[in-house]
Amino acid sequence: MSREITHDATGPEIVGEDDIGEKGDIAICMCGLSADYPFCDGSHNATAEEEDGVRYKYEGDDDENPRHEIAEIVFGDED
């Protein structure tokens, strides 16, 4: 199983004392799907039925079926 995740971030997110105080116990998102990244918001629950050997793309705009199988990823030439 693997996921293609698109991020807009260009650097690290610093988790400070204010974040911990505001959120209480915190969990850091490891799936890349959280709308509250870098904090976990439970979005990983959508990955529960992923199959081994299948690559997925999650589209946040489609609430009924946010997961789509990717047949192939093709990278363009760097030239």
PDB file of N, CA and C in Angstrom:
ATOM      1  N   MET A   1       0.842  -1.164   0.000  1.00  0.00           N
ATOM      2  CA  MET A   1       0.000   0.000   0.000  1.00  0.00           C
ATOM      3  C   MET A   1       0.886   1.224   0.000  1.00  0.00           C
ATOM      4  N   SER A   2       0.510   2.224  -0.758  1.00  0.00           N
ATOM      5  CA  SER A   2       1.205   3.500  -0.725  1.00  0.00           C
ATOM      6  C   SER A   2       0.227   4.598  -1.101  1.00  0.00           C
ATOM      7  N   ARG A   3       0.578   5.823  -0.736  1.00  0.00           N
ATOM      8  CA  ARG A   3      -0.289   6.962  -1.016  1.00  0.00           C
ATOM      9  C   ARG A   3       0.492   8.053  -1.709  1.00  0.00           C
ATOM     10  N   GLU A   4      -0.148   8.721  -2.646  1.00  0.00           N
ATOM     11  CA  GLU A   4       0.404   9.925  -3.256  1.00  0.00           C
ATOM     12  C   GLU A   4      -0.257  11.083  -2.533  1.00  0.00           C
ATOM     13  N   ILE A   5       0.532  11.866  -1.799  1.00  0.00           N
ATOM     14  CA  ILE A   5       0.019  12.978  -1.004  1.00  0.00           C
ATOM     15  C   ILE A   5       0.597  14.268  -1.560  1.00  0.00           C
ATOM     16  N   THR A   6      -0.234  15.259  -1.746  1.00  0.00           N
ATOM     17  CA  THR A   6       0.212  16.558  -2.216  1.00  0.00           C
ATOM     18  C   THR A   6       0.224  17.526  -1.038  1.00  0.00           C
ATOM     19  N   HIS A   7       1.389  18.099  -0.760  1.00  0.00           N
ATOM     20  CA  HIS A   7       1.538  19.059   0.331  1.00  0.00           C
ATOM     21  C   HIS A   7       1.924  20.414  -0.238  1.00  0.00           C
ATOM     22  N   ASP A   8       1.460  21.473   0.421  1.00  0.00           N
ATOM     23  CA  ASP A   8       1.845  22.829   0.039  1.00  0.00           C
ATOM     24  C   ASP A   8       3.021  23.334   0.875  1.00  0.00           C
ATOM     25  N   ALA A   9       3.358  22.639   1.938  1.00  0.00           N
ATOM     26  CA  ALA A   9       4.390  23.090   2.864  1.00  0.00           C
ATOM     27  C   ALA A   9       5.756  23.140   2.188  1.00  0.00           C
ATOM     28  N   THR A  10       6.547  24.111   2.604  1.00  0.00           N
ATOM     29  CA  THR A  10       7.906  24.237   2.076  1.00  0.00           C
ATOM     30  C   THR A  10       8.941  24.159   3.183  1.00  0.00           C
ATOM     31  N   GLY A  11       8.520  23.865   4.383  1.00  0.00           N
ATOM     32  CA  GLY A  11       9.447  23.771   5.505  1.00  0.00           C
ATOM     33  C   GLY A  11       8.791  23.061   6.669  1.00  0.00           C
ATOM     34  N   PRO A  12       9.500  22.961   7.778  1.00  0.00           N
ATOM     35  CA  PRO A  12       8.957  22.253   8.934  1.00  0.00           C
ATOM     36  C   PRO A  12       7.887  23.062   9.645  1.00  0.00           C
ATOM     37  N   GLU A  13       7.022  22.366  10.340  1.00  0.00           N
ATOM     38  CA  GLU A  13       6.018  22.994  11.206  1.00  0.00           C
ATOM     39  C   GLU A  13       6.514  22.812  12.640  1.00  0.00           C
ATOM     40  N   ILE A  14       6.729  23.916  13.317  1.00  0.00           N
ATOM     41  CA  ILE A  14       7.207  23.852  14.689  1.00  0.00           C
ATOM     42  C   ILE A  14       6.012  23.666  15.625  1.00  0.00           C
ATOM     43  N   VAL A  15       6.064  22.640  16.460  1.00  0.00           N
ATOM     44  CA  VAL A  15       5.021  22.402  17.446  1.00  0.00           C
ATOM     45  C   VAL A  15       5.516  23.000  18.758  1.00  0.00           C
ATOM     46  N   GLY A  16       4.806  24.026  19.221  1.00  0.00           N
ATOM     47  CA  GLY A  16       5.234  24.731  20.416  1.00  0.00           C
ATOM     48  C   GLY A  16       4.349  24.456  21.610  1.00  0.00           C
ATOM     49  N   GLU A  17       4.719  25.034  22.740  1.00  0.00           N
ATOM     50  CA  GLU A  17       3.955  24.852  23.977  1.00  0.00           C
ATOM     51  C   GLU A  17       2.518  25.331  23.842  1.00  0.00           C
ATOM     52  N   ASP A  18       2.298  26.410  23.080  1.00  0.00           N
ATOM     53  CA  ASP A  18       0.933  26.919  22.885  1.00  0.00           C
ATOM     54  C   ASP A  18       0.059  25.893  22.183  1.00  0.00           C
ATOM     55  N   ASP A  19       0.626  25.165  21.213  1.00  0.00           N
ATOM     56  CA  ASP A  19      -0.134  24.125  20.512  1.00  0.00           C
ATOM     57  C   ASP A  19      -0.557  23.029  21.471  1.00  0.00           C
ATOM     58  N   ILE A  20       0.353  22.626  22.331  1.00  0.00           N
ATOM     59  CA  ILE A  20       0.063  21.553  23.276  1.00  0.00           C
ATOM     60  C   ILE A  20      -0.982  22.012  24.283  1.00  0.00           C
ATOM     61  N   GLY A  21      -0.852  23.241  24.761  1.00  0.00           N
ATOM     62  CA  GLY A  21      -1.817  23.765  25.709  1.00  0.00           C
ATOM     63  C   GLY A  21      -3.202  23.901  25.111  1.00  0.00           C
ATOM     64  N   GLU A  22      -3.270  24.312  23.856  1.00  0.00           N
ATOM     65  CA  GLU A  22      -4.552  24.508  23.165  1.00  0.00           C
ATOM     66  C   GLU A  22      -5.231  23.186  22.846  1.00  0.00           C
ATOM     67  N   LYS A  23      -4.463  22.199  22.419  1.00  0.00           N
ATOM     68  CA  LYS A  23      -5.028  20.940  21.949  1.00  0.00           C
ATOM     69  C   LYS A  23      -5.031  19.841  23.005  1.00  0.00           C
ATOM     70  N   GLY A  24      -4.345  20.041  24.122  1.00  0.00           N
ATOM     71  CA  GLY A  24      -4.220  18.967  25.106  1.00  0.00           C
ATOM     72  C   GLY A  24      -3.260  17.924  24.580  1.00  0.00           C
ATOM     73  N   ASP A  25      -3.543  16.649  24.796  1.00  0.00           N
ATOM     74  CA  ASP A  25      -2.695  15.601  24.235  1.00  0.00           C
ATOM     75  C   ASP A  25      -2.773  15.704  22.721  1.00  0.00           C
ATOM     76  N   ILE A  26      -1.626  15.644  22.065  1.00  0.00           N
ATOM     77  CA  ILE A  26      -1.617  15.787  20.617  1.00  0.00           C
ATOM     78  C   ILE A  26      -1.028  14.546  19.962  1.00  0.00           C
ATOM     79  N   ALA A  27      -1.422  14.341  18.719  1.00  0.00           N
ATOM     80  CA  ALA A  27      -0.848  13.288  17.895  1.00  0.00           C
ATOM     81  C   ALA A  27      -0.419  13.934  16.587  1.00  0.00           C
ATOM     82  N   ILE A  28       0.752  13.573  16.118  1.00  0.00           N
ATOM     83  CA  ILE A  28       1.273  14.112  14.866  1.00  0.00           C
ATOM     84  C   ILE A  28       0.801  13.213  13.720  1.00  0.00           C
ATOM     85  N   CYS A  29       0.289  13.835  12.665  1.00  0.00           N
ATOM     86  CA  CYS A  29      -0.207  13.098  11.494  1.00  0.00           C
ATOM     87  C   CYS A  29       0.948  12.398  10.790  1.00  0.00           C
ATOM     88  N   MET A  30       0.795  11.112  10.546  1.00  0.00           N
ATOM     89  CA  MET A  30       1.794  10.339   9.819  1.00  0.00           C
ATOM     90  C   MET A  30       1.277   9.867   8.460  1.00  0.00           C
ATOM     91  N   CYS A  31      -0.031  10.019   8.207  1.00  0.00           N
ATOM     92  CA  CYS A  31      -0.595   9.536   6.947  1.00  0.00           C
ATOM     93  C   CYS A  31      -0.586  10.616   5.872  1.00  0.00           C
ATOM     94  N   GLY A  32      -0.486  11.889   6.276  1.00  0.00           N
ATOM     95  CA  GLY A  32      -0.471  12.986   5.305  1.00  0.00           C
ATOM     96  C   GLY A  32      -1.841  13.466   4.891  1.00  0.00           C
ATOM     97  N   LEU A  33      -2.898  12.986   5.496  1.00  0.00           N
ATOM     98  CA  LEU A  33      -4.252  13.326   5.069  1.00  0.00           C
ATOM     99  C   LEU A  33      -4.942  14.358   5.948  1.00  0.00           C
ATOM    100  N   SER A  34      -4.375  14.695   7.095  1.00  0.00           N
ATOM    101  CA  SER A  34      -5.040  15.572   8.045  1.00  0.00           C
ATOM    102  C   SER A  34      -5.257  16.983   7.502  1.00  0.00           C
ATOM    103  N   ALA A  35      -6.448  17.513   7.706  1.00  0.00           N
ATOM    104  CA  ALA A  35      -6.748  18.895   7.340  1.00  0.00           C
ATOM    105  C   ALA A  35      -6.130  19.850   8.355  1.00  0.00           C
ATOM    106  N   ASP A  36      -5.698  19.318   9.499  1.00  0.00           N
ATOM    107  CA  ASP A  36      -5.092  20.122  10.560  1.00  0.00           C
ATOM    108  C   ASP A  36      -3.606  19.785  10.685  1.00  0.00           C
ATOM    109  N   TYR A  37      -2.985  19.409   9.566  1.00  0.00           N
ATOM    110  CA  TYR A  37      -1.576  19.011   9.543  1.00  0.00           C
ATOM    111  C   TYR A  37      -0.721  20.100  10.170  1.00  0.00           C
ATOM    112  N   PRO A  38       0.222  19.790  11.044  1.00  0.00           N
ATOM    113  CA  PRO A  38       0.822  18.488  11.288  1.00  0.00           C
ATOM    114  C   PRO A  38       0.106  17.667  12.358  1.00  0.00           C
ATOM    115  N   PHE A  39      -1.037  18.151  12.832  1.00  0.00           N
ATOM    116  CA  PHE A  39      -1.755  17.446  13.883  1.00  0.00           C
ATOM    117  C   PHE A  39      -2.732  16.434  13.283  1.00  0.00           C
ATOM    118  N   CYS A  40      -2.860  15.295  13.927  1.00  0.00           N
ATOM    119  CA  CYS A  40      -3.798  14.264  13.504  1.00  0.00           C
ATOM    120  C   CYS A  40      -5.229  14.731  13.753  1.00  0.00           C
ATOM    121  N   ASP A  41      -6.102  14.535  12.752  1.00  0.00           N
ATOM    122  CA  ASP A  41      -7.525  14.853  12.927  1.00  0.00           C
ATOM    123  C   ASP A  41      -8.401  13.627  12.704  1.00  0.00           C
ATOM    124  N   GLY A  42      -7.802  12.445  12.629  1.00  0.00           N
ATOM    125  CA  GLY A  42      -8.550  11.207  12.441  1.00  0.00           C
ATOM    126  C   GLY A  42      -8.769  10.830  10.990  1.00  0.00           C
ATOM    127  N   SER A  43      -8.244  11.626  10.054  1.00  0.00           N
ATOM    128  CA  SER A  43      -8.433  11.334   8.623  1.00  0.00           C
ATOM    129  C   SER A  43      -7.869   9.982   8.223  1.00  0.00           C
ATOM    130  N   HIS A  44      -6.908   9.475   8.986  1.00  0.00           N
ATOM    131  CA  HIS A  44      -6.308   8.172   8.669  1.00  0.00           C
ATOM    132  C   HIS A  44      -7.326   7.041   8.703  1.00  0.00           C
ATOM    133  N   ASN A  45      -8.472   7.255   9.329  1.00  0.00           N
ATOM    134  CA  ASN A  45      -9.506   6.207   9.353  1.00  0.00           C
ATOM    135  C   ASN A  45      -9.966   5.844   7.945  1.00  0.00           C
ATOM    136  N   ALA A  46      -9.827   6.765   6.991  1.00  0.00           N
ATOM    137  CA  ALA A  46     -10.199   6.487   5.599  1.00  0.00           C
ATOM    138  C   ALA A  46      -9.283   5.455   4.959  1.00  0.00           C
ATOM    139  N   THR A  47      -8.120   5.202   5.558  1.00  0.00           N
ATOM    140  CA  THR A  47      -7.149   4.276   4.976  1.00  0.00           C
ATOM    141  C   THR A  47      -7.334   2.835   5.457  1.00  0.00           C
ATOM    142  N   ALA A  48      -8.320   2.593   6.295  1.00  0.00           N
ATOM    143  CA  ALA A  48      -8.485   1.284   6.945  1.00  0.00           C
ATOM    144  C   ALA A  48      -8.600   0.126   5.971  1.00  0.00           C
ATOM    145  N   GLU A  49      -9.179   0.330   4.817  1.00  0.00           N
ATOM    146  CA  GLU A  49      -9.398  -0.782   3.885  1.00  0.00           C
ATOM    147  C   GLU A  49      -8.454  -0.742   2.689  1.00  0.00           C
ATOM    148  N   GLU A  50      -7.312  -0.060   2.811  1.00  0.00           N
ATOM    149  CA  GLU A  50      -6.334  -0.062   1.723  1.00  0.00           C
ATOM    150  C   GLU A  50      -5.772  -1.465   1.536  1.00  0.00           C
ATOM    151  N   GLU A  51      -5.515  -1.801   0.286  1.00  0.00           N
ATOM    152  CA  GLU A  51      -4.963  -3.121  -0.028  1.00  0.00           C
ATOM    153  C   GLU A  51      -3.470  -3.021  -0.258  1.00  0.00           C
ATOM    154  N   ASP A  52      -2.730  -4.065   0.132  1.00  0.00           N
ATOM    155  CA  ASP A  52      -1.297  -4.124  -0.134  1.00  0.00           C
ATOM    156  C   ASP A  52      -1.050  -4.108  -1.639  1.00  0.00           C
ATOM    157  N   GLY A  53      -0.003  -3.415  -2.049  1.00  0.00           N
ATOM    158  CA  GLY A  53       0.378  -3.384  -3.457  1.00  0.00           C
ATOM    159  C   GLY A  53      -0.412  -2.411  -4.300  1.00  0.00           C
ATOM    160  N   VAL A  54      -1.303  -1.631  -3.700  1.00  0.00           N
ATOM    161  CA  VAL A  54      -2.115  -0.662  -4.440  1.00  0.00           C
ATOM    162  C   VAL A  54      -1.698   0.744  -4.017  1.00  0.00           C
ATOM    163  N   ARG A  55      -1.554   1.640  -4.997  1.00  0.00           N
ATOM    164  CA  ARG A  55      -1.209   3.036  -4.723  1.00  0.00           C
ATOM    165  C   ARG A  55      -2.488   3.854  -4.783  1.00  0.00           C
ATOM    166  N   TYR A  56      -2.671   4.734  -3.811  1.00  0.00           N
ATOM    167  CA  TYR A  56      -3.898   5.527  -3.715  1.00  0.00           C
ATOM    168  C   TYR A  56      -3.607   7.017  -3.746  1.00  0.00           C
ATOM    169  N   LYS A  57      -4.566   7.765  -4.239  1.00  0.00           N
ATOM    170  CA  LYS A  57      -4.593   9.226  -4.158  1.00  0.00           C
ATOM    171  C   LYS A  57      -5.891   9.585  -3.459  1.00  0.00           C
ATOM    172  N   TYR A  58      -5.794  10.432  -2.444  1.00  0.00           N
ATOM    173  CA  TYR A  58      -6.970  10.893  -1.715  1.00  0.00           C
ATOM    174  C   TYR A  58      -7.281  12.309  -2.154  1.00  0.00           C
ATOM    175  N   GLU A  59      -8.523  12.522  -2.598  1.00  0.00           N
ATOM    176  CA  GLU A  59      -8.991  13.840  -3.017  1.00  0.00           C
ATOM    177  C   GLU A  59      -9.974  14.326  -1.977  1.00  0.00           C
ATOM    178  N   GLY A  60      -9.642  15.407  -1.289  1.00  0.00           N
ATOM    179  CA  GLY A  60     -10.469  15.917  -0.216  1.00  0.00           C
ATOM    180  C   GLY A  60     -11.814  16.457  -0.656  1.00  0.00           C
ATOM    181  N   ASP A  61     -11.989  16.726  -1.964  1.00  0.00           N
ATOM    182  CA  ASP A  61     -13.234  17.317  -2.453  1.00  0.00           C
ATOM    183  C   ASP A  61     -14.371  16.309  -2.571  1.00  0.00           C
ATOM    184  N   ASP A  62     -14.062  15.031  -2.596  1.00  0.00           N
ATOM    185  CA  ASP A  62     -15.073  13.995  -2.812  1.00  0.00           C
ATOM    186  C   ASP A  62     -15.340  13.274  -1.500  1.00  0.00           C
ATOM    187  N   ASP A  63     -16.330  13.749  -0.737  1.00  0.00           N
ATOM    188  CA  ASP A  63     -16.602  13.182   0.582  1.00  0.00           C
ATOM    189  C   ASP A  63     -17.114  11.751   0.522  1.00  0.00           C
ATOM    190  N   GLU A  64     -17.842  11.390  -0.545  1.00  0.00           N
ATOM    191  CA  GLU A  64     -18.378  10.028  -0.647  1.00  0.00           C
ATOM    192  C   GLU A  64     -17.295   9.014  -0.962  1.00  0.00           C
ATOM    193  N   ASN A  65     -16.356   9.372  -1.824  1.00  0.00           N
ATOM    194  CA  ASN A  65     -15.290   8.456  -2.216  1.00  0.00           C
ATOM    195  C   ASN A  65     -13.990   9.237  -2.379  1.00  0.00           C
ATOM    196  N   PRO A  66     -13.315   9.570  -1.262  1.00  0.00           N
ATOM    197  CA  PRO A  66     -12.106  10.372  -1.370  1.00  0.00           C
ATOM    198  C   PRO A  66     -10.891   9.590  -1.882  1.00  0.00           C
ATOM    199  N   ARG A  67     -10.979   8.258  -1.914  1.00  0.00           N
ATOM    200  CA  ARG A  67      -9.840   7.423  -2.304  1.00  0.00           C
ATOM    201  C   ARG A  67      -9.998   6.936  -3.741  1.00  0.00           C
ATOM    202  N   HIS A  68      -8.930   7.112  -4.529  1.00  0.00           N
ATOM    203  CA  HIS A  68      -8.915   6.658  -5.914  1.00  0.00           C
ATOM    204  C   HIS A  68      -7.638   5.857  -6.133  1.00  0.00           C
ATOM    205  N   GLU A  69      -7.753   4.731  -6.834  1.00  0.00           N
ATOM    206  CA  GLU A  69      -6.575   3.941  -7.161  1.00  0.00           C
ATOM    207  C   GLU A  69      -5.805   4.612  -8.283  1.00  0.00           C
ATOM    208  N   ILE A  70      -4.475   4.569  -8.189  1.00  0.00           N
ATOM    209  CA  ILE A  70      -3.599   5.116  -9.215  1.00  0.00           C
ATOM    210  C   ILE A  70      -2.986   3.940  -9.960  1.00  0.00           C
ATOM    211  N   ALA A  71      -3.185   3.908 -11.257  1.00  0.00           N
ATOM    212  CA  ALA A  71      -2.642   2.812 -12.053  1.00  0.00           C
ATOM    213  C   ALA A  71      -1.140   2.982 -12.267  1.00  0.00           C
ATOM    214  N   GLU A  72      -0.701   4.237 -12.465  1.00  0.00           N
ATOM    215  CA  GLU A  72       0.701   4.471 -12.779  1.00  0.00           C
ATOM    216  C   GLU A  72       1.043   5.928 -12.502  1.00  0.00           C
ATOM    217  N   ILE A  73       2.253   6.159 -12.020  1.00  0.00           N
ATOM    218  CA  ILE A  73       2.758   7.520 -11.878  1.00  0.00           C
ATOM    219  C   ILE A  73       3.861   7.679 -12.898  1.00  0.00           C
ATOM    220  N   VAL A  74       3.739   8.684 -13.732  1.00  0.00           N
ATOM    221  CA  VAL A  74       4.739   8.945 -14.775  1.00  0.00           C
ATOM    222  C   VAL A  74       5.410  10.269 -14.465  1.00  0.00           C
ATOM    223  N   PHE A  75       6.725  10.250 -14.389  1.00  0.00           N
ATOM    224  CA  PHE A  75       7.500  11.461 -14.124  1.00  0.00           C
ATOM    225  C   PHE A  75       8.005  12.032 -15.429  1.00  0.00           C
ATOM    226  N   GLY A  76       7.893  13.348 -15.609  1.00  0.00           N
ATOM    227  CA  GLY A  76       8.374  14.000 -16.818  1.00  0.00           C
ATOM    228  C   GLY A  76       9.873  14.122 -16.817  1.00  0.00           C
ATOM    229  N   ASP A  77      10.443  14.368 -17.999  1.00  0.00           N
ATOM    230  CA  ASP A  77      11.888  14.578 -18.120  1.00  0.00           C
ATOM    231  C   ASP A  77      12.300  15.841 -17.382  1.00  0.00           C
ATOM    232  N   GLU A  78      13.470  15.832 -16.802  1.00  0.00           N
ATOM    233  CA  GLU A  78      13.976  17.000 -16.096  1.00  0.00           C
ATOM    234  C   GLU A  78      14.730  17.929 -17.035  1.00  0.00           C
ATOM    235  N   ASP A  79      14.922  17.543 -18.262  1.00  0.00           N
ATOM    236  CA  ASP A  79      15.649  18.371 -19.250  1.00  0.00           C
ATOM    237  C   ASP A  79      14.821  19.521 -19.740  1.00  0.00           C
TER     238      ASP A  79
END
